[in-house]
Every structure is written in structure tokens, then in C-alpha cells.
Amino acid sequence: MTAETPPARTLGPLEGEVLAWLESERRRSVTVDEAAAALGWSDKRTGEVLARLTRKGWLKRLARGRYETVLAETGGWALPNPWAALSLWQQPYYVGFQSAAFELGLTPDRPAAVQACVPVGAKRPRAWHDIPIELVYLRTFTLDGTEQKTLQNFPVTIASTEKLLLDAAALPARIGGIFGLARVVDRALERTDWKRVAELAAKSRRGSSALRRLAATVEILDYPVPRPLAAHARTGSSESPLYLAERRIFGNRGPRLDRWQVVANVDPDSLREEVTR
């Protein structure tokens, strides 16, 4: 057997019984306890059969004692499902940045791996070695502003539009830089509770900078800045200037937007063109 050859797909009688039950129930995931109770087997026997099905590619191990089914309509070979893995994770997390923006319909760009925001020190489960999930470590992690959403039939914790905007403006590199942020702002402007954005910002170490960058982006896109955003983003002339785009890439030249003390070091026309693509 070469490295490219998949594992054997043959089934023994007990393995066939498990798959017949899974197919009849249309289950997307299963635990050893659930299978043992349904089939009337011991936990030991059930665990052994599920392990064999995993080695043969019929199941995918997500966590200790928990498996994802590989559905027949995929031909039996599917990429590991990140939503199934996240729905079973006991670690506090939320889907954020570009992944959340894509799932919320705020950008056409989906990253190759799901961005799961976690506190510093969180550890990736060993069972995730080939599951497309990227951990984004945040020093000031909080679940405030997140919500539960069902993705591919699995319950997942995801940033709300308001939290997404605040996070993205604080760390724009995580959402494709200022151009990625502009695309999200353009699509989210009318559906966002900007008062809620300001409330979340008040609890964040980067909240003030994020609000200023959001207000400057809205202004450059030639939209009226929402009142709650303008009220909390406005700052005095003594405030240190904030650069709209990353200086390492775009330099430090550009007009200063005085209300927000933001240096627009990116071509405004390019930014406006980006949101139309």
C-alpha cells in the first residue's frame, strides 16, 4: 500500500451493523455511549468497532469517544469537518475575523482554515492534526458579543457582526488588511447596531483605536458615519495619529482625518474600488 492509497473499505458484520444504524438515523456524529446504547453492546466492543471504522475511513475521530460520520454521498471521502470538531470542543472559543465575515455574508473571501479565536494558552486537540482550523490567540479574549449559529447542522460559537467589526478594525491583518476591512464595513454598514459596537469597544483594550479606524473607513467610502460610531470615535488633536493601513506596506504618508486622528495612508479610490469587486 502506497502513501496515496486509502485504507481498506471492507466491512465486517459488526461494522456493517454500526453503519446501517448510522445511515438509518442520518447521524452526523456519534459517541461510544450512544452507539453502545442503541446496539446493546458493551462500551469495550463498541469502542473497538468504531476504532476499526475510523482506520478504514468510514468515521473521523473528533475527540475522545466522539466520531464524525463520513456520508455516503461524498463517496466516503470528505475533508474533516471543522464545524463538527468545534461543536464538541470544551475550550471557550469563537469563530472570528475572515471566517466569521464569510459565514455572515460580509465578504466573498473564505480562508483555507476556520479562524477560531481562543485565549492565550489554549491547546489544539491532538485529534485535529488534519482538521482545517487555525487558532487565533487573543490576549483579551471574551465571549461577549458572540452568538450561537448552526453551520452544516452543528452548533458553533461565532462573532456577531458587531464583534466582528470591532475585532477586524483592531487587528485588520486577520481579515485581509484595510481592503478586507473595507469590504466588510461596506456590506455591514446598514445591518450593524453601532451602539452595540461602541459598548463592546468600551470593554476592549483596543476598542478606541478600532472605532477610529472604523469611522475613518466609513468616511473614506463616502458614507455618513453612523451617529453612535461618530460620537465614540471622535478624539482630540492631542491623540497620537493612527494609521489606516499597515505602514510597513503602505508607508506613512497621507491626509489626516482630523475628527478621528487617522492618517489615510492608502489611496481612497483604490479602497472604494475594492468594495465593488
Protein backbone atom coordinates (compact mmCIF):
# COMPACT_ATOMS: atom_id res chain seq x y z
CA MET A 1 0.00 0.00 0.00
CA THR A 2 1.47 3.39 -1.02
CA ALA A 3 1.09 6.64 0.88
CA GLU A 4 -1.59 7.68 -1.65
CA THR A 5 -3.67 4.50 -1.24
CA PRO A 6 -6.67 4.89 1.07
CA PRO A 7 -7.28 2.38 3.86
CA ALA A 8 -9.32 -0.75 3.17
CA ARG A 9 -13.06 -0.14 2.83
CA THR A 10 -14.25 -3.68 3.60
CA LEU A 11 -16.78 -4.21 6.37
CA GLY A 12 -17.20 -6.94 8.94
CA PRO A 13 -20.66 -7.89 10.28
CA LEU A 14 -20.42 -5.67 13.37
CA GLU A 15 -19.02 -2.75 11.36
CA GLY A 16 -21.86 -3.11 8.86
CA GLU A 17 -24.39 -3.07 11.70
CA VAL A 18 -22.97 0.21 13.02
CA LEU A 19 -23.05 1.85 9.60
CA ALA A 20 -26.57 0.62 8.89
CA TRP A 21 -27.72 2.22 12.16
CA LEU A 22 -25.88 5.47 11.42
CA GLU A 23 -27.36 5.61 7.92
CA SER A 24 -30.91 4.92 9.15
CA GLU A 25 -30.61 7.62 11.78
CA ARG A 26 -28.83 10.03 9.39
CA ARG A 27 -26.45 10.90 12.22
CA ARG A 28 -23.63 13.37 11.59
CA SER A 29 -21.71 12.39 14.72
CA VAL A 30 -21.82 9.66 17.36
CA THR A 31 -20.28 8.79 20.72
CA VAL A 32 -19.28 5.37 22.01
CA ASP A 33 -22.01 5.62 24.66
CA GLU A 34 -24.70 6.46 22.09
CA ALA A 35 -23.75 3.59 19.80
CA ALA A 36 -23.48 1.11 22.70
CA ALA A 37 -26.94 2.05 24.00
CA ALA A 38 -28.54 1.80 20.54
CA LEU A 39 -26.92 -1.52 19.60
CA GLY A 40 -26.95 -3.17 23.00
CA TRP A 41 -23.18 -3.75 23.06
CA SER A 42 -20.59 -3.21 25.76
CA ASP A 43 -18.59 0.01 25.70
CA LYS A 44 -15.42 -2.01 25.04
CA ARG A 45 -16.83 -3.80 22.00
CA THR A 46 -18.41 -0.61 20.66
CA GLY A 47 -15.15 1.33 21.04
CA GLU A 48 -13.22 -1.37 19.17
CA VAL A 49 -15.69 -1.39 16.26
CA LEU A 50 -15.73 2.42 15.99
CA ALA A 51 -11.93 2.44 16.05
CA ARG A 52 -11.81 -0.06 13.17
CA LEU A 53 -14.29 2.01 11.16
CA THR A 54 -12.09 5.05 11.77
CA ARG A 55 -8.98 3.25 10.48
CA LYS A 56 -10.91 2.22 7.37
CA GLY A 57 -12.12 5.76 6.70
CA TRP A 58 -15.82 5.35 7.48
CA LEU A 59 -15.62 7.56 10.56
CA LYS A 60 -13.47 10.52 11.61
CA ARG A 61 -12.32 10.83 15.22
CA LEU A 62 -13.08 14.30 16.60
CA ALA A 63 -12.36 13.86 20.30
CA ARG A 64 -12.05 11.10 22.84
CA GLY A 65 -15.05 8.80 22.32
CA ARG A 66 -16.65 11.05 19.68
CA TYR A 67 -16.70 10.46 15.92
CA GLU A 68 -17.98 12.22 12.79
CA THR A 69 -19.65 10.13 10.12
CA VAL A 70 -18.35 10.31 6.55
CA LEU A 71 -21.50 10.45 4.47
CA ALA A 72 -22.12 8.14 1.54
CA GLU A 73 -22.97 10.98 -0.87
CA THR A 74 -19.37 12.20 -0.65
CA GLY A 75 -18.11 8.84 -1.91
CA GLY A 76 -16.87 8.11 1.60
CA TRP A 77 -14.02 10.61 1.36
CA ALA A 78 -14.54 14.10 2.65
CA LEU A 79 -12.37 16.74 4.23
CA PRO A 80 -12.60 16.74 8.02
CA ASN A 81 -15.48 18.93 9.10
CA PRO A 82 -14.24 21.84 11.23
CA TRP A 83 -17.76 22.67 12.41
CA ALA A 84 -18.22 19.18 13.85
CA ALA A 85 -14.89 19.46 15.65
CA LEU A 86 -15.64 22.90 17.10
CA SER A 87 -19.14 21.89 18.23
CA LEU A 88 -17.59 19.26 20.51
CA TRP A 89 -14.71 21.33 21.87
CA GLN A 90 -14.90 22.14 25.56
CA GLN A 91 -12.44 25.04 25.24
CA PRO A 92 -14.07 28.52 25.09
CA TYR A 93 -13.67 29.85 21.52
CA TYR A 94 -15.48 31.74 18.82
CA VAL A 95 -15.20 31.80 15.03
CA GLY A 96 -13.92 35.23 14.10
CA PHE A 97 -12.28 37.54 11.58
CA GLN A 98 -12.43 36.46 7.92
CA SER A 99 -14.09 33.13 8.72
CA ALA A 100 -16.92 34.87 10.58
CA ALA A 101 -17.19 37.52 7.86
CA PHE A 102 -17.64 34.83 5.21
CA GLU A 103 -20.23 32.90 7.21
CA LEU A 104 -22.14 36.12 7.95
CA GLY A 105 -22.19 37.04 4.27
CA LEU A 106 -19.90 40.06 4.68
CA THR A 107 -17.07 39.00 2.38
CA PRO A 108 -16.69 36.70 -0.63
CA ASP A 109 -13.28 35.57 0.65
CA ARG A 110 -13.16 32.40 2.72
CA PRO A 111 -9.83 31.47 4.35
CA ALA A 112 -8.41 27.99 3.86
CA ALA A 113 -8.81 27.22 7.58
CA VAL A 114 -11.50 28.28 10.03
CA GLN A 115 -10.22 31.03 12.32
CA ALA A 116 -11.12 30.08 15.90
CA CYS A 117 -10.34 32.81 18.43
CA VAL A 118 -9.11 31.49 21.78
CA PRO A 119 -7.41 32.80 24.92
CA VAL A 120 -3.63 32.60 25.17
CA GLY A 121 -2.64 29.13 26.41
CA ALA A 122 -5.43 27.20 24.68
CA LYS A 123 -4.17 23.95 23.20
CA ARG A 124 -5.14 22.37 19.92
CA PRO A 125 -6.53 18.83 20.41
CA ARG A 126 -4.35 16.05 19.04
CA ALA A 127 -7.30 14.69 17.07
CA TRP A 128 -7.30 17.88 14.98
CA HIS A 129 -4.00 17.21 13.22
CA ASP A 130 -5.62 17.33 9.77
CA ILE A 131 -8.71 19.44 10.50
CA PRO A 132 -8.59 22.91 8.85
CA ILE A 133 -8.85 25.05 11.99
CA GLU A 134 -6.43 27.90 12.78
CA LEU A 135 -6.25 29.05 16.40
CA VAL A 136 -6.08 32.84 16.77
CA TYR A 137 -4.74 33.69 20.22
CA LEU A 138 -6.17 36.84 21.77
CA ARG A 139 -4.70 38.39 24.92
CA THR A 140 -8.04 39.95 25.84
CA PHE A 141 -10.32 37.07 24.88
CA THR A 142 -14.02 37.40 25.74
CA LEU A 143 -17.21 35.73 24.57
CA ASP A 144 -19.15 38.97 24.99
CA GLY A 145 -20.67 39.79 21.61
CA THR A 146 -20.71 36.22 20.30
CA GLU A 147 -23.71 34.12 19.33
CA GLN A 148 -24.66 30.53 18.58
CA LYS A 149 -25.13 29.67 14.92
CA THR A 150 -25.81 26.33 13.21
CA LEU A 151 -23.30 25.58 10.45
CA GLN A 152 -23.75 22.35 8.48
CA ASN A 153 -26.09 21.12 11.24
CA PHE A 154 -23.56 21.73 14.03
CA PRO A 155 -23.88 24.37 16.78
CA VAL A 156 -20.93 26.76 16.63
CA THR A 157 -19.99 29.89 18.58
CA ILE A 158 -19.35 32.78 16.19
CA ALA A 159 -18.71 36.51 16.46
CA SER A 160 -21.73 38.73 15.90
CA THR A 161 -21.48 41.36 13.19
CA GLU A 162 -20.72 43.96 15.86
CA LYS A 163 -17.93 41.96 17.49
CA LEU A 164 -16.52 41.02 14.10
CA LEU A 165 -16.25 44.69 13.07
CA LEU A 166 -14.53 45.64 16.31
CA ASP A 167 -12.05 42.74 16.16
CA ALA A 168 -11.32 43.31 12.49
CA ALA A 169 -10.68 47.03 12.94
CA ALA A 170 -8.39 46.31 15.89
CA LEU A 171 -6.42 43.62 14.03
CA PRO A 172 -7.07 44.22 10.31
CA ALA A 173 -4.28 41.89 9.21
CA ARG A 174 -6.52 39.00 10.31
CA ILE A 175 -9.20 39.95 7.81
CA GLY A 176 -7.11 40.80 4.76
CA GLY A 177 -5.80 44.21 5.80
CA ILE A 178 -7.55 47.52 5.22
CA PHE A 179 -9.00 46.31 1.91
CA GLY A 180 -10.59 43.30 3.58
CA LEU A 181 -11.90 45.51 6.36
CA ALA A 182 -13.38 47.94 3.82
CA ARG A 183 -15.29 45.12 2.10
CA VAL A 184 -16.79 44.04 5.41
CA VAL A 185 -17.65 47.59 6.51
CA ASP A 186 -19.35 48.28 3.17
CA ARG A 187 -21.59 45.22 3.49
CA ALA A 188 -22.24 45.54 7.22
CA LEU A 189 -22.92 49.27 7.47
CA GLU A 190 -26.73 49.16 7.29
CA ARG A 191 -27.23 45.98 9.32
CA THR A 192 -24.99 46.86 12.27
CA ASP A 193 -26.06 48.03 15.70
CA TRP A 194 -23.40 50.71 16.08
CA LYS A 195 -24.41 51.45 19.65
CA ARG A 196 -23.57 47.83 20.46
CA VAL A 197 -20.21 48.21 18.70
CA ALA A 198 -19.43 51.16 20.96
CA GLU A 199 -20.48 49.16 24.04
CA LEU A 200 -18.15 46.32 23.12
CA ALA A 201 -15.34 48.79 22.39
CA ALA A 202 -15.63 50.29 25.87
CA LYS A 203 -14.64 46.91 27.30
CA SER A 204 -11.74 46.30 24.91
CA ARG A 205 -8.13 47.40 25.28
CA ARG A 206 -8.02 48.11 21.53
CA GLY A 207 -11.56 49.48 21.39
CA SER A 208 -10.71 53.16 20.91
CA SER A 209 -8.32 52.51 18.03
CA ALA A 210 -10.81 50.13 16.42
CA LEU A 211 -13.60 52.72 16.50
CA ARG A 212 -11.35 55.38 14.99
CA ARG A 213 -10.31 53.06 12.16
CA LEU A 214 -13.93 52.08 11.52
CA ALA A 215 -15.08 55.70 11.39
CA ALA A 216 -12.24 56.64 9.04
CA THR A 217 -13.03 53.72 6.75
CA VAL A 218 -16.71 54.67 6.57
CA GLU A 219 -15.78 58.27 5.78
CA ILE A 220 -13.36 57.28 3.01
CA LEU A 221 -16.04 55.06 1.46
CA ASP A 222 -18.18 58.23 1.20
CA TYR A 223 -20.89 57.09 3.61
CA PRO A 224 -22.26 59.12 6.52
CA VAL A 225 -20.60 57.93 9.72
CA PRO A 226 -23.34 56.46 11.98
CA ARG A 227 -24.00 58.72 14.97
CA PRO A 228 -23.12 56.23 17.72
CA LEU A 229 -19.85 55.47 15.96
CA ALA A 230 -19.02 59.13 15.37
CA ALA A 231 -19.77 60.03 19.00
CA HIS A 232 -17.39 57.43 20.41
CA ALA A 233 -14.69 57.57 17.72
CA ARG A 234 -14.20 61.33 17.77
CA THR A 235 -10.97 62.29 19.51
CA GLY A 236 -8.95 65.40 20.32
CA SER A 237 -5.94 66.76 18.43
CA SER A 238 -3.63 65.63 21.22
CA GLU A 239 -4.32 61.97 20.40
CA SER A 240 -1.45 60.12 18.69
CA PRO A 241 -2.20 59.55 14.99
CA LEU A 242 -3.49 56.14 13.96
CA TYR A 243 -2.57 54.81 10.51
CA LEU A 244 -5.42 53.40 8.49
CA ALA A 245 -3.27 50.79 6.71
CA GLU A 246 -0.13 48.96 7.74
CA ARG A 247 2.83 51.35 7.47
CA ARG A 248 5.28 48.58 6.56
CA ILE A 249 3.36 48.06 3.33
CA PHE A 250 1.73 51.43 2.59
CA GLY A 251 4.15 53.88 4.20
CA ASN A 252 3.17 56.76 6.46
CA ARG A 253 2.06 59.45 4.03
CA GLY A 254 -1.48 60.57 3.50
CA PRO A 255 -4.06 63.12 4.63
CA ARG A 256 -5.05 63.19 8.28
CA LEU A 257 -8.75 62.80 9.04
CA ASP A 258 -8.89 65.24 11.94
CA ARG A 259 -12.10 64.04 13.58
CA TRP A 260 -10.61 60.59 14.17
CA GLN A 261 -6.90 61.48 14.15
CA VAL A 262 -6.34 58.83 11.48
CA VAL A 263 -3.76 59.08 8.73
CA ALA A 264 -5.30 57.79 5.49
CA ASN A 265 -2.08 56.24 4.15
CA VAL A 266 -3.86 54.37 1.37
CA ASP A 267 -5.31 55.56 -1.92
CA PRO A 268 -9.02 56.30 -1.28
CA ASP A 269 -10.02 55.45 -4.85
CA SER A 270 -8.40 52.03 -4.57
CA LEU A 271 -10.30 51.39 -1.36
CA ARG A 272 -13.61 52.41 -2.92
CA GLU A 273 -12.94 50.26 -5.98
CA GLU A 274 -12.20 47.27 -3.75
CA VAL A 275 -15.66 47.19 -2.20
CA THR A 276 -17.32 46.86 -5.62
CA ARG A 277 -15.50 43.71 -6.65
